[in-house]
Structures are given as C-alpha cells and as structure tokens.
N, C-alpha and C. Protein backbone atom coordinates (compact mmCIF):
# COMPACT_ATOMS: atom_id res chain seq x y z
N MET A 1 181.90 52.66 -73.94
CA MET A 1 181.28 52.96 -75.22
C MET A 1 182.23 52.56 -76.37
N PHE A 2 183.48 52.97 -76.24
CA PHE A 2 184.47 52.65 -77.26
C PHE A 2 184.67 51.14 -77.34
N GLY A 3 184.58 50.46 -76.20
CA GLY A 3 184.72 49.00 -76.13
C GLY A 3 183.61 48.28 -76.89
N ARG A 4 182.38 48.81 -76.81
CA ARG A 4 181.26 48.20 -77.55
C ARG A 4 181.46 48.31 -79.05
N ILE A 5 181.89 49.47 -79.49
CA ILE A 5 182.13 49.67 -80.92
C ILE A 5 183.22 48.73 -81.41
N LEU A 6 184.29 48.61 -80.61
CA LEU A 6 185.39 47.72 -80.97
C LEU A 6 184.91 46.27 -81.02
N ASN A 7 184.08 45.85 -80.06
CA ASN A 7 183.53 44.49 -80.06
C ASN A 7 182.64 44.24 -81.27
N ARG A 8 181.85 45.25 -81.66
CA ARG A 8 180.99 45.11 -82.85
C ARG A 8 181.85 44.98 -84.10
N LYS A 9 182.91 45.79 -84.18
CA LYS A 9 183.79 45.70 -85.35
C LYS A 9 184.47 44.34 -85.38
N ARG A 10 184.92 43.87 -84.22
CA ARG A 10 185.56 42.56 -84.15
C ARG A 10 184.57 41.47 -84.56
N SER A 11 183.34 41.57 -84.08
CA SER A 11 182.30 40.60 -84.46
C SER A 11 182.05 40.66 -85.96
N GLY A 12 182.00 41.87 -86.50
CA GLY A 12 181.79 42.02 -87.95
C GLY A 12 182.93 41.43 -88.75
N VAL A 13 184.15 41.60 -88.30
CA VAL A 13 185.32 41.03 -88.98
C VAL A 13 185.27 39.50 -88.91
N VAL A 14 184.92 38.97 -87.76
CA VAL A 14 184.81 37.51 -87.61
C VAL A 14 183.74 36.97 -88.55
N ILE A 15 182.61 37.63 -88.63
CA ILE A 15 181.53 37.18 -89.51
C ILE A 15 181.98 37.23 -90.97
N LEU A 16 182.65 38.31 -91.36
CA LEU A 16 183.16 38.40 -92.74
C LEU A 16 184.17 37.31 -93.04
N LEU A 17 185.05 37.02 -92.08
CA LEU A 17 186.01 35.94 -92.28
C LEU A 17 185.32 34.59 -92.43
N LEU A 18 184.33 34.34 -91.59
CA LEU A 18 183.58 33.09 -91.70
C LEU A 18 182.89 32.98 -93.06
N LEU A 19 182.27 34.06 -93.51
CA LEU A 19 181.61 34.05 -94.83
C LEU A 19 182.62 33.80 -95.94
N PHE A 20 183.80 34.41 -95.80
CA PHE A 20 184.84 34.24 -96.81
C PHE A 20 185.31 32.79 -96.87
N ILE A 21 185.40 32.15 -95.71
CA ILE A 21 185.86 30.77 -95.65
C ILE A 21 184.75 29.80 -96.08
N VAL A 22 183.51 30.04 -95.66
CA VAL A 22 182.42 29.11 -95.89
C VAL A 22 181.79 29.26 -97.27
N SER A 23 181.78 30.44 -97.85
CA SER A 23 181.07 30.65 -99.12
C SER A 23 181.57 29.78 -100.27
N PRO A 24 182.88 29.54 -100.44
CA PRO A 24 183.27 28.62 -101.51
C PRO A 24 182.72 27.22 -101.32
N ILE A 25 182.62 26.79 -100.06
CA ILE A 25 182.08 25.46 -99.78
C ILE A 25 180.60 25.41 -100.14
N LEU A 26 179.87 26.46 -99.83
CA LEU A 26 178.44 26.49 -100.12
C LEU A 26 178.16 26.61 -101.60
N THR A 27 179.01 27.32 -102.34
CA THR A 27 178.74 27.51 -103.77
C THR A 27 179.14 26.32 -104.61
N THR A 28 179.98 25.42 -104.08
CA THR A 28 180.36 24.26 -104.88
C THR A 28 179.24 23.24 -104.97
N GLY A 29 178.26 23.32 -104.12
CA GLY A 29 177.12 22.40 -104.20
C GLY A 29 177.50 21.01 -103.76
N CYS A 30 176.84 20.04 -104.34
CA CYS A 30 177.03 18.65 -103.91
C CYS A 30 177.78 17.86 -104.96
N ALA A 31 178.65 18.51 -105.70
CA ALA A 31 179.39 17.84 -106.76
C ALA A 31 180.36 16.83 -106.15
N ALA A 32 180.61 15.77 -106.89
CA ALA A 32 181.55 14.74 -106.46
C ALA A 32 182.97 15.25 -106.70
N SER A 33 183.88 14.87 -105.82
CA SER A 33 185.26 15.34 -105.94
C SER A 33 186.12 14.43 -106.80
N THR A 34 185.63 13.22 -107.11
CA THR A 34 186.36 12.29 -107.97
C THR A 34 185.40 11.64 -108.97
N PRO A 35 185.94 11.10 -110.06
CA PRO A 35 185.07 10.39 -111.01
C PRO A 35 184.34 9.20 -110.38
N ILE A 36 185.01 8.46 -109.51
CA ILE A 36 184.38 7.31 -108.86
C ILE A 36 183.25 7.76 -107.94
N GLU A 37 183.47 8.83 -107.21
CA GLU A 37 182.42 9.36 -106.33
C GLU A 37 181.20 9.78 -107.15
N ALA A 38 181.42 10.34 -108.34
CA ALA A 38 180.30 10.73 -109.21
C ALA A 38 179.49 9.51 -109.62
N ALA A 39 180.18 8.43 -110.02
CA ALA A 39 179.47 7.20 -110.41
C ALA A 39 178.71 6.61 -109.22
N LYS A 40 179.32 6.63 -108.03
CA LYS A 40 178.67 6.09 -106.84
C LYS A 40 177.41 6.89 -106.49
N LYS A 41 177.50 8.23 -106.58
CA LYS A 41 176.33 9.06 -106.29
C LYS A 41 175.20 8.77 -107.29
N PHE A 42 175.57 8.61 -108.54
CA PHE A 42 174.61 8.31 -109.59
C PHE A 42 173.91 6.98 -109.32
N ILE A 43 174.70 5.95 -109.02
CA ILE A 43 174.16 4.62 -108.73
C ILE A 43 173.27 4.65 -107.49
N THR A 44 173.73 5.35 -106.46
CA THR A 44 172.95 5.43 -105.22
C THR A 44 171.63 6.15 -105.45
N GLY A 45 171.64 7.21 -106.25
CA GLY A 45 170.41 7.92 -106.58
C GLY A 45 169.40 7.01 -107.27
N ILE A 46 169.90 6.17 -108.17
CA ILE A 46 169.03 5.22 -108.87
C ILE A 46 168.55 4.14 -107.91
N ASP A 47 169.50 3.56 -107.18
CA ASP A 47 169.20 2.43 -106.30
C ASP A 47 168.15 2.79 -105.25
N THR A 48 168.19 4.01 -104.74
CA THR A 48 167.27 4.42 -103.68
C THR A 48 166.08 5.21 -104.20
N ASN A 49 166.00 5.38 -105.52
CA ASN A 49 164.94 6.18 -106.14
C ASN A 49 164.90 7.58 -105.51
N ASN A 50 166.09 8.16 -105.35
CA ASN A 50 166.23 9.47 -104.74
C ASN A 50 166.44 10.49 -105.87
N TRP A 51 165.39 11.21 -106.21
CA TRP A 51 165.41 12.15 -107.31
C TRP A 51 166.49 13.20 -107.13
N ASN A 52 166.60 13.79 -105.95
CA ASN A 52 167.58 14.85 -105.72
C ASN A 52 169.01 14.34 -105.87
N ALA A 53 169.30 13.19 -105.30
CA ALA A 53 170.64 12.62 -105.41
C ALA A 53 170.96 12.29 -106.87
N PHE A 54 169.98 11.76 -107.57
CA PHE A 54 170.16 11.43 -108.99
C PHE A 54 170.48 12.69 -109.79
N MET A 55 169.68 13.74 -109.60
CA MET A 55 169.88 14.98 -110.37
C MET A 55 171.20 15.68 -110.01
N GLU A 56 171.62 15.61 -108.74
CA GLU A 56 172.88 16.22 -108.34
C GLU A 56 174.09 15.50 -108.92
N SER A 57 173.91 14.25 -109.34
CA SER A 57 175.03 13.48 -109.87
C SER A 57 175.19 13.63 -111.38
N VAL A 58 174.19 14.23 -112.04
CA VAL A 58 174.21 14.37 -113.50
C VAL A 58 174.77 15.74 -113.88
N LEU A 59 175.53 15.77 -114.94
CA LEU A 59 176.13 17.00 -115.44
C LEU A 59 175.08 18.10 -115.59
N PRO A 60 175.29 19.26 -114.96
CA PRO A 60 174.29 20.34 -115.01
C PRO A 60 173.86 20.73 -116.43
N GLU A 61 174.78 20.64 -117.37
CA GLU A 61 174.45 20.95 -118.76
C GLU A 61 173.31 20.06 -119.27
N GLU A 62 173.32 18.80 -118.85
CA GLU A 62 172.27 17.87 -119.27
C GLU A 62 170.95 18.14 -118.55
N THR A 63 171.00 18.52 -117.28
CA THR A 63 169.76 18.79 -116.55
C THR A 63 169.09 20.06 -117.06
N ARG A 64 169.90 21.03 -117.52
CA ARG A 64 169.31 22.28 -118.04
C ARG A 64 168.56 22.07 -119.35
N LYS A 65 168.89 21.03 -120.07
CA LYS A 65 168.23 20.74 -121.35
C LYS A 65 166.83 20.15 -121.16
N MET A 66 166.52 19.72 -119.94
CA MET A 66 165.26 19.03 -119.70
C MET A 66 164.06 19.98 -119.74
N THR A 67 163.00 19.50 -120.37
CA THR A 67 161.73 20.22 -120.34
C THR A 67 160.95 19.72 -119.13
N GLN A 68 159.83 20.33 -118.84
CA GLN A 68 158.98 19.88 -117.73
C GLN A 68 158.49 18.46 -117.98
N GLU A 69 158.22 18.14 -119.25
CA GLU A 69 157.78 16.79 -119.59
C GLU A 69 158.89 15.77 -119.34
N ASP A 70 160.15 16.17 -119.65
CA ASP A 70 161.28 15.29 -119.38
C ASP A 70 161.42 15.01 -117.90
N VAL A 71 161.29 16.06 -117.08
CA VAL A 71 161.39 15.91 -115.62
C VAL A 71 160.32 14.94 -115.14
N GLN A 72 159.10 15.13 -115.58
CA GLN A 72 158.00 14.27 -115.17
C GLN A 72 158.26 12.83 -115.61
N TYR A 73 158.72 12.65 -116.85
CA TYR A 73 158.99 11.33 -117.39
C TYR A 73 160.06 10.60 -116.56
N TRP A 74 161.18 11.27 -116.29
CA TRP A 74 162.26 10.65 -115.52
C TRP A 74 161.85 10.43 -114.07
N ARG A 75 161.19 11.41 -113.48
CA ARG A 75 160.86 11.35 -112.05
C ARG A 75 159.77 10.33 -111.74
N GLU A 76 158.79 10.22 -112.62
CA GLU A 76 157.65 9.35 -112.35
C GLU A 76 157.73 7.98 -113.01
N ARG A 77 158.48 7.89 -114.11
CA ARG A 77 158.50 6.61 -114.82
C ARG A 77 159.86 5.93 -114.80
N VAL A 78 160.88 6.61 -115.30
CA VAL A 78 162.17 5.95 -115.49
C VAL A 78 162.85 5.60 -114.17
N LEU A 79 163.07 6.60 -113.32
CA LEU A 79 163.81 6.36 -112.08
C LEU A 79 163.13 5.32 -111.19
N PRO A 80 161.81 5.40 -110.95
CA PRO A 80 161.18 4.36 -110.12
C PRO A 80 161.28 2.96 -110.73
N GLN A 81 161.13 2.86 -112.05
CA GLN A 81 161.20 1.55 -112.70
C GLN A 81 162.60 0.96 -112.60
N VAL A 82 163.61 1.80 -112.83
CA VAL A 82 164.99 1.32 -112.78
C VAL A 82 165.37 0.94 -111.35
N SER A 83 164.96 1.76 -110.38
CA SER A 83 165.31 1.46 -108.99
C SER A 83 164.60 0.20 -108.49
N GLU A 84 163.47 -0.14 -109.08
CA GLU A 84 162.80 -1.40 -108.73
C GLU A 84 163.45 -2.58 -109.43
N ALA A 85 164.03 -2.34 -110.60
CA ALA A 85 164.60 -3.43 -111.39
C ALA A 85 166.03 -3.79 -111.00
N TYR A 86 166.85 -2.79 -110.62
CA TYR A 86 168.25 -3.02 -110.31
C TYR A 86 168.48 -2.88 -108.81
N LYS A 87 169.31 -3.72 -108.25
CA LYS A 87 169.71 -3.60 -106.86
C LYS A 87 171.24 -3.65 -106.81
N PHE A 88 171.83 -2.57 -106.33
CA PHE A 88 173.28 -2.45 -106.23
C PHE A 88 173.70 -2.53 -104.77
N ASN A 89 174.86 -3.02 -104.52
CA ASN A 89 175.47 -2.91 -103.20
C ASN A 89 176.73 -2.08 -103.41
N VAL A 90 176.58 -0.76 -103.33
CA VAL A 90 177.64 0.17 -103.70
C VAL A 90 178.92 -0.09 -102.90
N GLU A 91 178.78 -0.47 -101.63
CA GLU A 91 179.96 -0.70 -100.79
C GLU A 91 180.82 -1.84 -101.34
N LYS A 92 180.20 -2.79 -102.00
CA LYS A 92 180.94 -3.94 -102.50
C LYS A 92 181.38 -3.80 -103.95
N LEU A 93 181.00 -2.71 -104.60
CA LEU A 93 181.41 -2.50 -105.98
C LEU A 93 182.81 -1.88 -106.01
N LYS A 94 183.61 -2.30 -106.97
CA LYS A 94 184.93 -1.70 -107.17
C LYS A 94 184.96 -1.11 -108.57
N PHE A 95 185.63 0.03 -108.68
CA PHE A 95 185.62 0.78 -109.92
C PHE A 95 187.03 0.99 -110.46
N LYS A 96 187.10 1.24 -111.75
CA LYS A 96 188.36 1.60 -112.40
C LYS A 96 188.07 2.81 -113.27
N VAL A 97 188.98 3.77 -113.24
CA VAL A 97 188.80 5.00 -114.02
C VAL A 97 189.74 4.98 -115.21
N ARG A 98 189.18 5.24 -116.39
CA ARG A 98 189.99 5.39 -117.60
C ARG A 98 189.87 6.85 -118.05
N PRO A 99 190.92 7.65 -117.85
CA PRO A 99 190.85 9.06 -118.27
C PRO A 99 190.65 9.17 -119.78
N GLU A 100 189.86 10.15 -120.16
CA GLU A 100 189.62 10.43 -121.58
C GLU A 100 189.81 11.92 -121.80
N GLY A 101 191.01 12.39 -121.54
CA GLY A 101 191.29 13.81 -121.62
C GLY A 101 191.39 14.40 -120.22
N LYS A 102 191.56 15.71 -120.17
CA LYS A 102 191.78 16.38 -118.90
C LYS A 102 190.54 16.39 -118.00
N ASN A 103 189.37 16.59 -118.57
CA ASN A 103 188.15 16.74 -117.78
C ASN A 103 187.10 15.68 -118.06
N LYS A 104 187.49 14.58 -118.65
CA LYS A 104 186.54 13.50 -118.94
C LYS A 104 187.17 12.16 -118.57
N ALA A 105 186.31 11.23 -118.21
CA ALA A 105 186.78 9.89 -117.87
C ALA A 105 185.64 8.90 -118.05
N LEU A 106 186.00 7.64 -118.05
CA LEU A 106 185.02 6.57 -118.10
C LEU A 106 185.24 5.75 -116.84
N VAL A 107 184.19 5.61 -116.02
CA VAL A 107 184.26 4.84 -114.79
C VAL A 107 183.57 3.51 -115.04
N LYS A 108 184.30 2.44 -114.81
CA LYS A 108 183.77 1.10 -115.07
C LYS A 108 183.70 0.32 -113.77
N ILE A 109 182.60 -0.38 -113.58
CA ILE A 109 182.48 -1.30 -112.45
C ILE A 109 183.29 -2.54 -112.83
N VAL A 110 184.31 -2.86 -112.03
CA VAL A 110 185.17 -4.00 -112.36
C VAL A 110 185.00 -5.16 -111.39
N GLU A 111 184.32 -4.93 -110.28
CA GLU A 111 184.09 -6.01 -109.33
C GLU A 111 182.83 -5.73 -108.53
N GLY A 112 182.11 -6.77 -108.26
CA GLY A 112 180.86 -6.64 -107.52
C GLY A 112 179.71 -7.22 -108.32
N LYS A 113 178.58 -7.32 -107.66
CA LYS A 113 177.42 -7.92 -108.32
C LYS A 113 176.25 -6.96 -108.31
N ILE A 114 175.48 -7.01 -109.37
CA ILE A 114 174.27 -6.21 -109.53
C ILE A 114 173.14 -7.21 -109.77
N VAL A 115 172.12 -7.11 -108.98
CA VAL A 115 170.98 -8.01 -109.16
C VAL A 115 169.92 -7.27 -109.95
N ILE A 116 169.48 -7.89 -111.03
CA ILE A 116 168.42 -7.32 -111.84
C ILE A 116 167.17 -8.14 -111.55
N ILE A 117 166.20 -7.50 -110.94
CA ILE A 117 164.99 -8.19 -110.55
C ILE A 117 164.18 -8.52 -111.80
N LYS A 118 163.69 -9.74 -111.89
CA LYS A 118 162.92 -10.18 -113.05
C LYS A 118 163.69 -9.93 -114.34
N GLY A 119 164.82 -10.58 -114.46
CA GLY A 119 165.69 -10.42 -115.62
C GLY A 119 165.04 -10.86 -116.92
N SER A 120 165.66 -10.46 -118.01
CA SER A 120 165.09 -10.74 -119.33
C SER A 120 165.21 -12.22 -119.72
N LYS A 121 166.13 -12.95 -119.11
CA LYS A 121 166.32 -14.36 -119.49
C LYS A 121 165.21 -15.26 -118.95
N SER A 122 164.64 -14.90 -117.83
CA SER A 122 163.56 -15.69 -117.25
C SER A 122 162.79 -14.80 -116.30
N ASN A 123 161.88 -15.35 -115.57
CA ASN A 123 161.12 -14.56 -114.61
C ASN A 123 161.77 -14.54 -113.24
N THR A 124 163.06 -14.78 -113.19
CA THR A 124 163.78 -14.76 -111.92
C THR A 124 164.84 -13.67 -111.95
N ASP A 125 165.50 -13.50 -110.80
CA ASP A 125 166.55 -12.50 -110.72
C ASP A 125 167.71 -12.86 -111.65
N LEU A 126 168.31 -11.83 -112.21
CA LEU A 126 169.47 -11.98 -113.07
C LEU A 126 170.60 -11.26 -112.36
N THR A 127 171.71 -11.94 -112.12
CA THR A 127 172.83 -11.33 -111.41
C THR A 127 173.95 -11.07 -112.39
N ILE A 128 174.44 -9.83 -112.38
CA ILE A 128 175.56 -9.45 -113.23
C ILE A 128 176.80 -9.41 -112.36
N ASP A 129 177.82 -10.16 -112.72
CA ASP A 129 179.07 -10.15 -111.98
C ASP A 129 180.09 -9.36 -112.81
N ALA A 130 180.46 -8.20 -112.30
CA ALA A 130 181.34 -7.31 -113.06
C ALA A 130 182.74 -7.88 -113.22
N LYS A 131 183.24 -8.57 -112.21
CA LYS A 131 184.61 -9.07 -112.26
C LYS A 131 184.78 -10.13 -113.35
N THR A 132 183.87 -11.07 -113.42
CA THR A 132 183.99 -12.14 -114.41
C THR A 132 183.26 -11.81 -115.70
N GLU A 133 182.55 -10.68 -115.70
CA GLU A 133 181.74 -10.27 -116.86
C GLU A 133 180.78 -11.38 -117.29
N THR A 134 180.09 -11.92 -116.30
CA THR A 134 179.10 -12.95 -116.58
C THR A 134 177.76 -12.53 -116.01
N SER A 135 176.72 -13.15 -116.52
CA SER A 135 175.39 -12.97 -115.95
C SER A 135 174.87 -14.35 -115.58
N SER A 136 174.16 -14.40 -114.46
CA SER A 136 173.61 -15.67 -113.99
C SER A 136 172.11 -15.53 -113.78
N TYR A 137 171.37 -16.57 -114.10
CA TYR A 137 169.94 -16.58 -113.90
C TYR A 137 169.49 -18.02 -113.73
N ILE A 138 168.30 -18.20 -113.23
CA ILE A 138 167.76 -19.54 -113.06
C ILE A 138 166.90 -19.87 -114.27
N ASP A 139 167.25 -20.92 -114.95
CA ASP A 139 166.47 -21.39 -116.09
C ASP A 139 165.34 -22.26 -115.53
N ALA A 140 164.12 -21.75 -115.63
CA ALA A 140 162.96 -22.43 -115.04
C ALA A 140 162.71 -23.80 -115.68
N GLU A 141 162.94 -23.92 -116.98
CA GLU A 141 162.70 -25.19 -117.66
C GLU A 141 163.72 -26.24 -117.25
N LYS A 142 165.00 -25.83 -117.26
CA LYS A 142 166.06 -26.80 -116.91
C LYS A 142 166.24 -26.93 -115.40
N LYS A 143 165.64 -26.01 -114.64
CA LYS A 143 165.74 -26.00 -113.19
C LYS A 143 167.20 -25.98 -112.73
N GLN A 144 167.95 -25.08 -113.34
CA GLN A 144 169.35 -24.92 -112.95
C GLN A 144 169.80 -23.48 -113.13
N ILE A 145 170.90 -23.14 -112.48
CA ILE A 145 171.46 -21.79 -112.63
C ILE A 145 172.32 -21.78 -113.88
N VAL A 146 172.09 -20.83 -114.73
CA VAL A 146 172.85 -20.68 -115.97
C VAL A 146 173.73 -19.45 -115.84
N THR A 147 175.01 -19.62 -116.15
CA THR A 147 175.95 -18.50 -116.13
C THR A 147 176.52 -18.36 -117.52
N GLU A 148 176.47 -17.14 -118.06
CA GLU A 148 176.98 -16.89 -119.41
C GLU A 148 177.89 -15.67 -119.41
N LYS A 149 178.86 -15.68 -120.31
CA LYS A 149 179.69 -14.50 -120.53
C LYS A 149 178.86 -13.46 -121.26
N PHE A 150 179.18 -12.18 -121.00
CA PHE A 150 178.50 -11.12 -121.76
C PHE A 150 178.79 -11.31 -123.23
N SER A 151 177.81 -11.03 -124.05
CA SER A 151 178.03 -11.08 -125.50
C SER A 151 178.67 -9.76 -125.93
N GLY A 152 178.93 -9.60 -127.19
CA GLY A 152 179.53 -8.38 -127.71
C GLY A 152 178.73 -7.14 -127.36
N GLU A 153 177.42 -7.24 -127.42
CA GLU A 153 176.59 -6.09 -127.06
C GLU A 153 176.00 -6.30 -125.67
N LYS A 154 176.47 -5.51 -124.74
CA LYS A 154 175.99 -5.62 -123.37
C LYS A 154 174.71 -4.80 -123.23
N SER A 155 173.72 -5.41 -122.66
CA SER A 155 172.50 -4.65 -122.42
C SER A 155 172.49 -4.09 -121.00
N TYR A 156 173.56 -4.33 -120.25
CA TYR A 156 173.66 -3.84 -118.88
C TYR A 156 174.86 -2.91 -118.79
N THR A 157 174.62 -1.68 -118.43
CA THR A 157 175.69 -0.69 -118.39
C THR A 157 176.53 -0.85 -117.14
N LEU A 158 177.79 -1.12 -117.36
CA LEU A 158 178.75 -1.19 -116.27
C LEU A 158 179.76 -0.06 -116.37
N GLU A 159 179.55 0.83 -117.33
CA GLU A 159 180.45 1.96 -117.55
C GLU A 159 179.66 3.26 -117.51
N PHE A 160 180.27 4.28 -116.91
CA PHE A 160 179.62 5.57 -116.76
C PHE A 160 180.56 6.67 -117.25
N PRO A 161 180.17 7.40 -118.30
CA PRO A 161 181.00 8.54 -118.71
C PRO A 161 180.83 9.67 -117.69
N VAL A 162 181.95 10.21 -117.22
CA VAL A 162 181.90 11.31 -116.26
C VAL A 162 182.67 12.50 -116.82
N GLU A 163 182.30 13.67 -116.34
CA GLU A 163 182.93 14.90 -116.83
C GLU A 163 183.10 15.88 -115.68
N LYS A 164 184.20 16.59 -115.72
CA LYS A 164 184.45 17.59 -114.69
C LYS A 164 183.82 18.90 -115.15
N PHE A 165 183.04 19.51 -114.27
CA PHE A 165 182.40 20.78 -114.54
C PHE A 165 182.65 21.67 -113.33
N LYS A 166 183.25 22.83 -113.58
CA LYS A 166 183.70 23.71 -112.50
C LYS A 166 184.64 22.90 -111.62
N SER A 167 184.33 22.65 -110.38
CA SER A 167 185.28 21.91 -109.54
C SER A 167 184.77 20.53 -109.14
N GLY A 168 183.73 20.04 -109.80
CA GLY A 168 183.18 18.74 -109.43
C GLY A 168 183.01 17.81 -110.61
N TRP A 169 182.84 16.53 -110.31
CA TRP A 169 182.65 15.50 -111.33
C TRP A 169 181.18 15.08 -111.37
N TYR A 170 180.68 14.84 -112.58
CA TYR A 170 179.28 14.47 -112.80
C TYR A 170 179.20 13.38 -113.86
N VAL A 171 178.14 12.58 -113.81
CA VAL A 171 177.88 11.59 -114.85
C VAL A 171 177.24 12.31 -116.02
N ARG A 172 177.72 12.02 -117.22
CA ARG A 172 177.15 12.63 -118.42
C ARG A 172 176.17 11.63 -119.03
N ILE A 173 174.90 11.94 -118.88
CA ILE A 173 173.83 11.10 -119.43
C ILE A 173 172.78 12.03 -120.01
N PRO A 174 172.37 11.81 -121.25
CA PRO A 174 171.33 12.68 -121.81
C PRO A 174 169.98 12.42 -121.13
N LEU A 175 169.38 13.46 -120.60
CA LEU A 175 168.09 13.33 -119.92
C LEU A 175 166.94 13.91 -120.73
N SER A 176 167.26 14.75 -121.72
CA SER A 176 166.23 15.37 -122.54
C SER A 176 165.89 14.45 -123.69
N ARG A 177 164.62 14.16 -123.85
CA ARG A 177 164.20 13.30 -124.96
C ARG A 177 164.19 14.05 -126.27
N SER A 178 164.05 15.37 -126.21
CA SER A 178 164.00 16.16 -127.45
C SER A 178 165.38 16.65 -127.86
N GLY A 179 166.31 16.73 -126.90
CA GLY A 179 167.64 17.23 -127.22
C GLY A 179 167.71 18.74 -127.25
N GLU A 180 166.58 19.41 -127.04
CA GLU A 180 166.54 20.86 -127.04
C GLU A 180 166.59 21.39 -125.61
N THR A 181 167.09 22.59 -125.46
CA THR A 181 167.15 23.20 -124.13
C THR A 181 165.82 23.83 -123.81
N SER A 182 165.53 23.95 -122.53
CA SER A 182 164.28 24.58 -122.10
C SER A 182 164.51 26.01 -121.67
N GLU A 183 165.70 26.55 -121.97
CA GLU A 183 166.02 27.92 -121.56
C GLU A 183 165.32 28.94 -122.42
C-alpha cells in the first residue's frame, strides 16, 4: 500500500518536472530564433501560400491590429496573388543582417534569384538576381534577354525589417489597412 502511494508521488513529481521543462517550449510558439530565420519563414509562407506560416512570421503587434476585413483581404486576395507571382528558392538564397538597435534588424537577400511570373517589363518571367542587383526578362519585340541594374527605386523588396518580440524574431510588416486595432 505504501509502495503504491510512493509510486504515485514519484509519477506526480516526474509529470511536474516534465511540465516544468516542456512548458517554456510550448509557450514560445513558433517564433524564429534568428532574424534570418524570421525572413525565411516569411518568404516560405508567401511562396507556399501558407496562411498560418505567414501569420506566425509577422510581428504579433501587427497581426493584432487586423480587422476581420483585413484578414479576409490578406488571406483571399494578397497572399494568393503574391504566391502566384513570386517564386523563391529559399535554400539558394543568402542573407545578410544589418542590426538596427538591440531588438531590430534589417535582413537583406544578398544572393540568389527570385522569379517573378509575368513581370511588369513584358509578359514573360522576370528574374531578380540579388547578388548582382539586376533584373532579367525577355523582350518580346527584340527577341532577346534584357538584363538591367536596379534603378534608384526598387519595386522588388529584397529587404525585410525584423524585430525581436519576447524571445523570438518576426518580420515587421503593416497588415492593417486602417491602422487601427481591432481590440
């Protein structure tokens, strides 16, 4: 009888120890542990049109500002359109982090290629090469591949502002069209 009580207490202690060890892991969520990991999660969420991965990569402060209309707009219109337009090969992308204070940084794609389906220059794919900072497309009239350096104003984002929140890194992107919180 005394042995059963002791075994139950031992089991209870083991369970409490497991909860003590596992609970911090469970409460941290799916936050990225580095600025580069945050940018990769963000890109992967877009590339695969994965709403949950996309939302987990964005700073919680920005997601809390979203109204139901914002969620519907991003989930049904923006994310699917962007994931159809851009194709990333995350494994081949290389990043550089520029710290901007203790809990903020700018992550820039410095090497790799991004294919933009049906680019703005023509009705063909537009390839952005981060290393050389050039874009290439097929000029239908001249029937040749045209490669140009980025102009002063880039219409293709190769930089992602990231911010540390609690113990994880997230991409800071405004998702609310109104700028007001829904709380």
